[in-house]
Amino acid sequence: FEDNSLVRETLTETGNGRVLVVDGGGSTRCALMGDQI
């Protein structure tokens, strides 16, 4: 919730074509991903 640390950490791993599904609680108060991630 409103913390993208795990998003960045997870996407540093080799994806092998996987899909990351992020339950961000539906928050519209900040972004969980941007250009760098």
PDB file of all heavy atoms in Angstrom:
ATOM      1  N   PHE A   1       0.839  -1.194   0.000  1.00  0.00           N
ATOM      2  CA  PHE A   1       0.000   0.000   0.000  1.00  0.00           C
ATOM      3  C   PHE A   1       0.873   1.243   0.000  1.00  0.00           C
ATOM      4  O   PHE A   1       1.602   1.505   0.971  1.00  0.00           O
ATOM      5  CB  PHE A   1      -0.948   0.007   1.207  1.00  0.00           C
ATOM      6  CG  PHE A   1      -1.982   1.092   1.132  1.00  0.00           C
ATOM      7  CD1 PHE A   1      -3.044   1.015   0.242  1.00  0.00           C
ATOM      8  CD2 PHE A   1      -1.873   2.212   1.934  1.00  0.00           C
ATOM      9  CE1 PHE A   1      -3.988   2.023   0.151  1.00  0.00           C
ATOM     10  CE2 PHE A   1      -2.814   3.227   1.861  1.00  0.00           C
ATOM     11  CZ  PHE A   1      -3.876   3.132   0.972  1.00  0.00           C
ATOM     12  N   GLU A   2       0.811   1.988  -1.085  1.00  0.00           N
ATOM     13  CA  GLU A   2       1.495   3.265  -1.247  1.00  0.00           C
ATOM     14  C   GLU A   2       2.998   3.185  -0.981  1.00  0.00           C
ATOM     15  O   GLU A   2       3.617   4.147  -0.533  1.00  0.00           O
ATOM     16  CB  GLU A   2       0.814   4.345  -0.389  1.00  0.00           C
ATOM     17  CG  GLU A   2      -0.622   4.570  -0.846  1.00  0.00           C
ATOM     18  CD  GLU A   2      -1.356   5.637  -0.073  1.00  0.00           C
ATOM     19  OE1 GLU A   2      -0.785   6.235   0.862  1.00  0.00           O
ATOM     20  OE2 GLU A   2      -2.541   5.885  -0.410  1.00  0.00           O
ATOM     21  N   ASP A   3       3.595   2.023  -1.250  1.00  0.00           N
ATOM     22  CA  ASP A   3       5.028   1.780  -1.082  1.00  0.00           C
ATOM     23  C   ASP A   3       5.464   0.862  -2.221  1.00  0.00           C
ATOM     24  O   ASP A   3       5.062  -0.296  -2.264  1.00  0.00           O
ATOM     25  CB  ASP A   3       5.270   1.120   0.273  1.00  0.00           C
ATOM     26  CG  ASP A   3       6.729   0.779   0.533  1.00  0.00           C
ATOM     27  OD1 ASP A   3       7.545   0.788  -0.406  1.00  0.00           O
ATOM     28  OD2 ASP A   3       7.051   0.466   1.692  1.00  0.00           O
ATOM     29  N   ASN A   4       6.272   1.378  -3.134  1.00  0.00           N
ATOM     30  CA  ASN A   4       6.638   0.559  -4.289  1.00  0.00           C
ATOM     31  C   ASN A   4       7.997  -0.131  -4.159  1.00  0.00           C
ATOM     32  O   ASN A   4       8.539  -0.620  -5.137  1.00  0.00           O
ATOM     33  CB  ASN A   4       6.575   1.380  -5.577  1.00  0.00           C
ATOM     34  CG  ASN A   4       7.730   2.353  -5.723  1.00  0.00           C
ATOM     35  OD1 ASN A   4       8.475   2.611  -4.793  1.00  0.00           O
ATOM     36  ND2 ASN A   4       7.868   2.920  -6.911  1.00  0.00           N
ATOM     37  N   SER A   5       8.545  -0.216  -2.963  1.00  0.00           N
ATOM     38  CA  SER A   5       9.851  -0.853  -2.760  1.00  0.00           C
ATOM     39  C   SER A   5       9.884  -2.277  -3.311  1.00  0.00           C
ATOM     40  O   SER A   5      10.835  -2.666  -3.988  1.00  0.00           O
ATOM     41  CB  SER A   5      10.210  -0.886  -1.269  1.00  0.00           C
ATOM     42  OG  SER A   5      10.196   0.405  -0.722  1.00  0.00           O
ATOM     43  N   LEU A   6       8.848  -3.064  -3.034  1.00  0.00           N
ATOM     44  CA  LEU A   6       8.803  -4.450  -3.515  1.00  0.00           C
ATOM     45  C   LEU A   6       8.602  -4.531  -5.023  1.00  0.00           C
ATOM     46  O   LEU A   6       9.044  -5.497  -5.650  1.00  0.00           O
ATOM     47  CB  LEU A   6       7.693  -5.232  -2.819  1.00  0.00           C
ATOM     48  CG  LEU A   6       8.028  -5.930  -1.521  1.00  0.00           C
ATOM     49  CD1 LEU A   6       6.806  -6.655  -0.970  1.00  0.00           C
ATOM     50  CD2 LEU A   6       9.188  -6.878  -1.663  1.00  0.00           C
ATOM     51  N   VAL A   7       7.951  -3.550  -5.607  1.00  0.00           N
ATOM     52  CA  VAL A   7       7.778  -3.527  -7.061  1.00  0.00           C
ATOM     53  C   VAL A   7       9.155  -3.430  -7.711  1.00  0.00           C
ATOM     54  O   VAL A   7       9.518  -4.238  -8.570  1.00  0.00           O
ATOM     55  CB  VAL A   7       6.867  -2.366  -7.518  1.00  0.00           C
ATOM     56  CG1 VAL A   7       6.785  -2.304  -9.040  1.00  0.00           C
ATOM     57  CG2 VAL A   7       5.487  -2.497  -6.907  1.00  0.00           C
ATOM     58  N   ARG A   8       9.934  -2.470  -7.286  1.00  0.00           N
ATOM     59  CA  ARG A   8      11.293  -2.296  -7.828  1.00  0.00           C
ATOM     60  C   ARG A   8      12.131  -3.542  -7.564  1.00  0.00           C
ATOM     61  O   ARG A   8      12.786  -4.056  -8.470  1.00  0.00           O
ATOM     62  CB  ARG A   8      11.967  -1.077  -7.219  1.00  0.00           C
ATOM     63  CG  ARG A   8      13.428  -0.928  -7.683  1.00  0.00           C
ATOM     64  CD  ARG A   8      14.097   0.294  -7.111  1.00  0.00           C
ATOM     65  NE  ARG A   8      13.630   1.516  -7.716  1.00  0.00           N
ATOM     66  CZ  ARG A   8      14.036   1.966  -8.902  1.00  0.00           C
ATOM     67  NH1 ARG A   8      14.883   1.275  -9.619  1.00  0.00           N
ATOM     68  NH2 ARG A   8      13.573   3.102  -9.373  1.00  0.00           N
ATOM     69  N   GLU A   9      12.115  -4.014  -6.346  1.00  0.00           N
ATOM     70  CA  GLU A   9      12.927  -5.182  -5.977  1.00  0.00           C
ATOM     71  C   GLU A   9      12.580  -6.400  -6.842  1.00  0.00           C
ATOM     72  O   GLU A   9      13.458  -7.091  -7.349  1.00  0.00           O
ATOM     73  CB  GLU A   9      12.704  -5.506  -4.501  1.00  0.00           C
ATOM     74  CG  GLU A   9      13.479  -6.692  -3.990  1.00  0.00           C
ATOM     75  CD  GLU A   9      13.154  -6.975  -2.541  1.00  0.00           C
ATOM     76  OE1 GLU A   9      13.119  -6.024  -1.725  1.00  0.00           O
ATOM     77  OE2 GLU A   9      12.922  -8.158  -2.208  1.00  0.00           O
ATOM     78  N   THR A  10      11.297  -6.648  -7.032  1.00  0.00           N
ATOM     79  CA  THR A  10      10.858  -7.808  -7.804  1.00  0.00           C
ATOM     80  C   THR A  10      11.250  -7.674  -9.267  1.00  0.00           C
ATOM     81  O   THR A  10      11.708  -8.639  -9.894  1.00  0.00           O
ATOM     82  CB  THR A  10       9.334  -7.995  -7.670  1.00  0.00           C
ATOM     83  OG1 THR A  10       9.012  -8.147  -6.283  1.00  0.00           O
ATOM     84  CG2 THR A  10       8.859  -9.221  -8.429  1.00  0.00           C
ATOM     85  N   LEU A  11      11.104  -6.486  -9.834  1.00  0.00           N
ATOM     86  CA  LEU A  11      11.402  -6.300 -11.256  1.00  0.00           C
ATOM     87  C   LEU A  11      12.895  -6.241 -11.557  1.00  0.00           C
ATOM     88  O   LEU A  11      13.291  -6.212 -12.727  1.00  0.00           O
ATOM     89  CB  LEU A  11      10.677  -5.069 -11.789  1.00  0.00           C
ATOM     90  CG  LEU A  11       9.148  -5.211 -11.812  1.00  0.00           C
ATOM     91  CD1 LEU A  11       8.483  -3.898 -12.206  1.00  0.00           C
ATOM     92  CD2 LEU A  11       8.711  -6.341 -12.738  1.00  0.00           C
ATOM     93  N   THR A  12      13.745  -6.279 -10.525  1.00  0.00           N
ATOM     94  CA  THR A  12      15.187  -6.415 -10.759  1.00  0.00           C
ATOM     95  C   THR A  12      15.543  -7.870 -11.070  1.00  0.00           C
ATOM     96  O   THR A  12      16.627  -8.142 -11.581  1.00  0.00           O
ATOM     97  CB  THR A  12      16.028  -5.954  -9.551  1.00  0.00           C
ATOM     98  OG1 THR A  12      15.745  -6.778  -8.428  1.00  0.00           O
ATOM     99  CG2 THR A  12      15.793  -4.501  -9.228  1.00  0.00           C
ATOM    100  N   GLU A  13      14.651  -8.799 -10.761  1.00  0.00           N
ATOM    101  CA  GLU A  13      14.876 -10.216 -11.056  1.00  0.00           C
ATOM    102  C   GLU A  13      14.607 -10.489 -12.535  1.00  0.00           C
ATOM    103  O   GLU A  13      13.855  -9.767 -13.178  1.00  0.00           O
ATOM    104  CB  GLU A  13      13.916 -11.089 -10.233  1.00  0.00           C
ATOM    105  CG  GLU A  13      14.047 -10.927  -8.756  1.00  0.00           C
ATOM    106  CD  GLU A  13      12.931 -11.641  -8.010  1.00  0.00           C
ATOM    107  OE1 GLU A  13      12.194 -12.442  -8.633  1.00  0.00           O
ATOM    108  OE2 GLU A  13      12.803 -11.390  -6.805  1.00  0.00           O
ATOM    109  N   THR A  14      15.173 -11.572 -13.039  1.00  0.00           N
ATOM    110  CA  THR A  14      14.882 -11.989 -14.405  1.00  0.00           C
ATOM    111  C   THR A  14      13.421 -12.404 -14.485  1.00  0.00           C
ATOM    112  O   THR A  14      12.969 -13.256 -13.713  1.00  0.00           O
ATOM    113  CB  THR A  14      15.786 -13.153 -14.823  1.00  0.00           C
ATOM    114  OG1 THR A  14      17.142 -12.721 -14.712  1.00  0.00           O
ATOM    115  CG2 THR A  14      15.511 -13.578 -16.251  1.00  0.00           C
ATOM    116  N   GLY A  15      12.689 -11.798 -15.402  1.00  0.00           N
ATOM    117  CA  GLY A  15      11.255 -12.042 -15.497  1.00  0.00           C
ATOM    118  C   GLY A  15      10.884 -13.297 -16.266  1.00  0.00           C
ATOM    119  O   GLY A  15       9.865 -13.912 -15.996  1.00  0.00           O
ATOM    120  N   ASN A  16      11.682 -13.659 -17.259  1.00  0.00           N
ATOM    121  CA  ASN A  16      11.361 -14.827 -18.098  1.00  0.00           C
ATOM    122  C   ASN A  16       9.937 -14.768 -18.635  1.00  0.00           C
ATOM    123  O   ASN A  16       9.247 -15.780 -18.685  1.00  0.00           O
ATOM    124  CB  ASN A  16      11.579 -16.133 -17.338  1.00  0.00           C
ATOM    125  CG  ASN A  16      13.037 -16.369 -17.011  1.00  0.00           C
ATOM    126  OD1 ASN A  16      13.912 -16.094 -17.821  1.00  0.00           O
ATOM    127  ND2 ASN A  16      13.307 -16.851 -15.813  1.00  0.00           N
ATOM    128  N   GLY A  17       9.467 -13.572 -19.003  1.00  0.00           N
ATOM    129  CA  GLY A  17       8.136 -13.438 -19.582  1.00  0.00           C
ATOM    130  C   GLY A  17       6.996 -13.503 -18.585  1.00  0.00           C
ATOM    131  O   GLY A  17       5.844 -13.647 -18.977  1.00  0.00           O
ATOM    132  N   ARG A  18       7.303 -13.365 -17.312  1.00  0.00           N
ATOM    133  CA  ARG A  18       6.236 -13.386 -16.296  1.00  0.00           C
ATOM    134  C   ARG A  18       5.508 -12.043 -16.241  1.00  0.00           C
ATOM    135  O   ARG A  18       5.939 -11.060 -16.813  1.00  0.00           O
ATOM    136  CB  ARG A  18       6.807 -13.731 -14.918  1.00  0.00           C
ATOM    137  CG  ARG A  18       7.339 -15.152 -14.830  1.00  0.00           C
ATOM    138  CD  ARG A  18       7.906 -15.459 -13.470  1.00  0.00           C
ATOM    139  NE  ARG A  18       9.139 -14.674 -13.264  1.00  0.00           N
ATOM    140  CZ  ARG A  18       9.774 -14.590 -12.101  1.00  0.00           C
ATOM    141  NH1 ARG A  18       9.321 -15.212 -11.031  1.00  0.00           N
ATOM    142  NH2 ARG A  18      10.885 -13.866 -11.995  1.00  0.00           N
ATOM    143  N   VAL A  19       4.382 -12.040 -15.501  1.00  0.00           N
ATOM    144  CA  VAL A  19       3.572 -10.844 -15.310  1.00  0.00           C
ATOM    145  C   VAL A  19       3.499 -10.552 -13.820  1.00  0.00           C
ATOM    146  O   VAL A  19       3.140 -11.425 -13.022  1.00  0.00           O
ATOM    147  CB  VAL A  19       2.150 -11.026 -15.879  1.00  0.00           C
ATOM    148  CG1 VAL A  19       1.279  -9.821 -15.553  1.00  0.00           C
ATOM    149  CG2 VAL A  19       2.193 -11.269 -17.386  1.00  0.00           C
ATOM    150  N   LEU A  20       3.845  -9.331 -13.440  1.00  0.00           N
ATOM    151  CA  LEU A  20       3.753  -8.913 -12.048  1.00  0.00           C
ATOM    152  C   LEU A  20       2.356  -8.350 -11.791  1.00  0.00           C
ATOM    153  O   LEU A  20       1.921  -7.420 -12.480  1.00  0.00           O
ATOM    154  CB  LEU A  20       4.808  -7.861 -11.731  1.00  0.00           C
ATOM    155  CG  LEU A  20       4.849  -7.384 -10.279  1.00  0.00           C
ATOM    156  CD1 LEU A  20       5.136  -8.546  -9.321  1.00  0.00           C
ATOM    157  CD2 LEU A  20       5.879  -6.281 -10.109  1.00  0.00           C
ATOM    158  N   VAL A  21       1.655  -8.911 -10.821  1.00  0.00           N
ATOM    159  CA  VAL A  21       0.320  -8.459 -10.422  1.00  0.00           C
ATOM    160  C   VAL A  21       0.466  -7.796  -9.055  1.00  0.00           C
ATOM    161  O   VAL A  21       0.862  -8.454  -8.088  1.00  0.00           O
ATOM    162  CB  VAL A  21      -0.669  -9.642 -10.365  1.00  0.00           C
ATOM    163  CG1 VAL A  21      -2.006  -9.191  -9.789  1.00  0.00           C
ATOM    164  CG2 VAL A  21      -0.849 -10.248 -11.751  1.00  0.00           C
ATOM    165  N   VAL A  22       0.159  -6.499  -9.000  1.00  0.00           N
ATOM    166  CA  VAL A  22       0.360  -5.706  -7.796  1.00  0.00           C
ATOM    167  C   VAL A  22      -0.978  -5.277  -7.219  1.00  0.00           C
ATOM    168  O   VAL A  22      -1.711  -4.503  -7.843  1.00  0.00           O
ATOM    169  CB  VAL A  22       1.219  -4.460  -8.094  1.00  0.00           C
ATOM    170  CG1 VAL A  22       1.435  -3.640  -6.825  1.00  0.00           C
ATOM    171  CG2 VAL A  22       2.543  -4.851  -8.733  1.00  0.00           C
ATOM    172  N   ASP A  23      -1.289  -5.777  -6.030  1.00  0.00           N
ATOM    173  CA  ASP A  23      -2.466  -5.307  -5.301  1.00  0.00           C
ATOM    174  C   ASP A  23      -2.026  -4.107  -4.478  1.00  0.00           C
ATOM    175  O   ASP A  23      -1.474  -4.259  -3.388  1.00  0.00           O
ATOM    176  CB  ASP A  23      -3.031  -6.408  -4.410  1.00  0.00           C
ATOM    177  CG  ASP A  23      -4.247  -5.951  -3.617  1.00  0.00           C
ATOM    178  OD1 ASP A  23      -4.607  -4.755  -3.690  1.00  0.00           O
ATOM    179  OD2 ASP A  23      -4.829  -6.792  -2.911  1.00  0.00           O
ATOM    180  N   GLY A  24      -2.243  -2.926  -5.033  1.00  0.00           N
ATOM    181  CA  GLY A  24      -1.888  -1.691  -4.352  1.00  0.00           C
ATOM    182  C   GLY A  24      -3.047  -1.107  -3.565  1.00  0.00           C
ATOM    183  O   GLY A  24      -3.045   0.078  -3.232  1.00  0.00           O
ATOM    184  N   GLY A  25      -4.043  -1.940  -3.265  1.00  0.00           N
ATOM    185  CA  GLY A  25      -5.184  -1.485  -2.477  1.00  0.00           C
ATOM    186  C   GLY A  25      -6.091  -0.509  -3.208  1.00  0.00           C
ATOM    187  O   GLY A  25      -6.972   0.091  -2.599  1.00  0.00           O
ATOM    188  N   GLY A  26      -5.863  -0.341  -4.513  1.00  0.00           N
ATOM    189  CA  GLY A  26      -6.696   0.585  -5.279  1.00  0.00           C
ATOM    190  C   GLY A  26      -6.417   2.039  -4.973  1.00  0.00           C
ATOM    191  O   GLY A  26      -7.195   2.920  -5.358  1.00  0.00           O
ATOM    192  N   SER A  27      -5.292   2.319  -4.313  1.00  0.00           N
ATOM    193  CA  SER A  27      -4.984   3.698  -3.941  1.00  0.00           C
ATOM    194  C   SER A  27      -4.777   4.574  -5.169  1.00  0.00           C
ATOM    195  O   SER A  27      -4.085   4.193  -6.110  1.00  0.00           O
ATOM    196  CB  SER A  27      -3.717   3.751  -3.087  1.00  0.00           C
ATOM    197  OG  SER A  27      -3.341   5.100  -2.856  1.00  0.00           O
ATOM    198  N   THR A  28      -5.363   5.749  -5.124  1.00  0.00           N
ATOM    199  CA  THR A  28      -5.151   6.755  -6.163  1.00  0.00           C
ATOM    200  C   THR A  28      -4.466   7.992  -5.579  1.00  0.00           C
ATOM    201  O   THR A  28      -4.623   9.100  -6.078  1.00  0.00           O
ATOM    202  CB  THR A  28      -6.487   7.141  -6.832  1.00  0.00           C
ATOM    203  OG1 THR A  28      -7.404   7.587  -5.827  1.00  0.00           O
ATOM    204  CG2 THR A  28      -7.074   5.972  -7.602  1.00  0.00           C
ATOM    205  N   ARG A  29      -3.654   7.771  -4.535  1.00  0.00           N
ATOM    206  CA  ARG A  29      -2.966   8.888  -3.875  1.00  0.00           C
ATOM    207  C   ARG A  29      -1.494   9.005  -4.247  1.00  0.00           C
ATOM    208  O   ARG A  29      -0.842   9.974  -3.853  1.00  0.00           O
ATOM    209  CB  ARG A  29      -3.115   8.781  -2.364  1.00  0.00           C
ATOM    210  CG  ARG A  29      -4.567   8.841  -1.932  1.00  0.00           C
ATOM    211  CD  ARG A  29      -4.758   8.937  -0.456  1.00  0.00           C
ATOM    212  NE  ARG A  29      -4.050   7.911   0.283  1.00  0.00           N
ATOM    213  CZ  ARG A  29      -4.274   7.629   1.561  1.00  0.00           C
ATOM    214  NH1 ARG A  29      -5.199   8.310   2.223  1.00  0.00           N
ATOM    215  NH2 ARG A  29      -3.598   6.692   2.181  1.00  0.00           N
ATOM    216  N   CYS A  30      -0.957   8.026  -4.985  1.00  0.00           N
ATOM    217  CA  CYS A  30       0.427   8.075  -5.456  1.00  0.00           C
ATOM    218  C   CYS A  30       0.612   6.995  -6.519  1.00  0.00           C
ATOM    219  O   CYS A  30      -0.240   6.129  -6.689  1.00  0.00           O
ATOM    220  CB  CYS A  30       1.422   7.881  -4.311  1.00  0.00           C
ATOM    221  SG  CYS A  30       1.382   6.237  -3.573  1.00  0.00           S
ATOM    222  N   ALA A  31       1.742   7.056  -7.218  1.00  0.00           N
ATOM    223  CA  ALA A  31       2.048   6.069  -8.267  1.00  0.00           C
ATOM    224  C   ALA A  31       2.930   4.958  -7.708  1.00  0.00           C
ATOM    225  O   ALA A  31       3.840   5.209  -6.916  1.00  0.00           O
ATOM    226  CB  ALA A  31       2.756   6.747  -9.426  1.00  0.00           C
ATOM    227  N   LEU A  32       2.672   3.747  -8.154  1.00  0.00           N
ATOM    228  CA  LEU A  32       3.474   2.596  -7.738  1.00  0.00           C
ATOM    229  C   LEU A  32       4.511   2.195  -8.780  1.00  0.00           C
ATOM    230  O   LEU A  32       5.349   1.335  -8.520  1.00  0.00           O
ATOM    231  CB  LEU A  32       2.560   1.408  -7.432  1.00  0.00           C
ATOM    232  CG  LEU A  32       1.632   1.617  -6.243  1.00  0.00           C
ATOM    233  CD1 LEU A  32       0.684   0.443  -6.093  1.00  0.00           C
ATOM    234  CD2 LEU A  32       2.431   1.853  -4.960  1.00  0.00           C
ATOM    235  N   MET A  33       4.450   2.824  -9.956  1.00  0.00           N
ATOM    236  CA  MET A  33       5.415   2.525 -11.014  1.00  0.00           C
ATOM    237  C   MET A  33       5.552   3.734 -11.914  1.00  0.00           C
ATOM    238  O   MET A  33       4.562   4.411 -12.206  1.00  0.00           O
ATOM    239  CB  MET A  33       4.942   1.323 -11.826  1.00  0.00           C
ATOM    240  CG  MET A  33       5.868   0.900 -12.926  1.00  0.00           C
ATOM    241  SD  MET A  33       5.214  -0.589 -13.702  1.00  0.00           S
ATOM    242  CE  MET A  33       5.945  -0.452 -15.291  1.00  0.00           C
ATOM    243  N   GLY A  34       6.793   3.981 -12.345  1.00  0.00           N
ATOM    244  CA  GLY A  34       7.074   5.046 -13.289  1.00  0.00           C
ATOM    245  C   GLY A  34       8.047   4.576 -14.341  1.00  0.00           C
ATOM    246  O   GLY A  34       8.252   3.371 -14.528  1.00  0.00           O
ATOM    247  N   ASP A  35       8.682   5.522 -15.019  1.00  0.00           N
ATOM    248  CA  ASP A  35       9.556   5.179 -16.133  1.00  0.00           C
ATOM    249  C   ASP A  35      10.760   4.341 -15.736  1.00  0.00           C
ATOM    250  O   ASP A  35      11.106   3.379 -16.430  1.00  0.00           O
ATOM    251  CB  ASP A  35      10.002   6.439 -16.880  1.00  0.00           C
ATOM    252  CG  ASP A  35      10.750   7.442 -16.014  1.00  0.00           C
ATOM    253  OD1 ASP A  35      10.767   7.311 -14.770  1.00  0.00           O
ATOM    254  OD2 ASP A  35      11.329   8.391 -16.593  1.00  0.00           O
ATOM    255  N   GLN A  36      11.402   4.656 -14.630  1.00  0.00           N
ATOM    256  CA  GLN A  36      12.601   3.909 -14.225  1.00  0.00           C
ATOM    257  C   GLN A  36      12.277   2.448 -13.916  1.00  0.00           C
ATOM    258  O   GLN A  36      13.000   1.542 -14.341  1.00  0.00           O
ATOM    259  CB  GLN A  36      13.261   4.572 -13.018  1.00  0.00           C
ATOM    260  CG  GLN A  36      13.839   5.929 -13.339  1.00  0.00           C
ATOM    261  CD  GLN A  36      14.411   6.616 -12.127  1.00  0.00           C
ATOM    262  OE1 GLN A  36      14.389   6.105 -11.003  1.00  0.00           O
ATOM    263  NE2 GLN A  36      14.943   7.810 -12.331  1.00  0.00           N
ATOM    264  N   ILE A  37      11.199   2.217 -13.217  1.00  0.00           N
ATOM    265  CA  ILE A  37      10.804   0.835 -12.903  1.00  0.00           C
ATOM    266  C   ILE A  37      10.324   0.129 -14.173  1.00  0.00           C
ATOM    267  O   ILE A  37      10.605  -1.058 -14.365  1.00  0.00           O
ATOM    268  CB  ILE A  37       9.750   0.811 -11.786  1.00  0.00           C
ATOM    269  CG1 ILE A  37      10.392   1.287 -10.471  1.00  0.00           C
ATOM    270  CG2 ILE A  37       9.156  -0.586 -11.618  1.00  0.00           C
ATOM    271  CD1 ILE A  37       9.440   1.369  -9.296  1.00  0.00           C
TER     272      ILE A  37
END
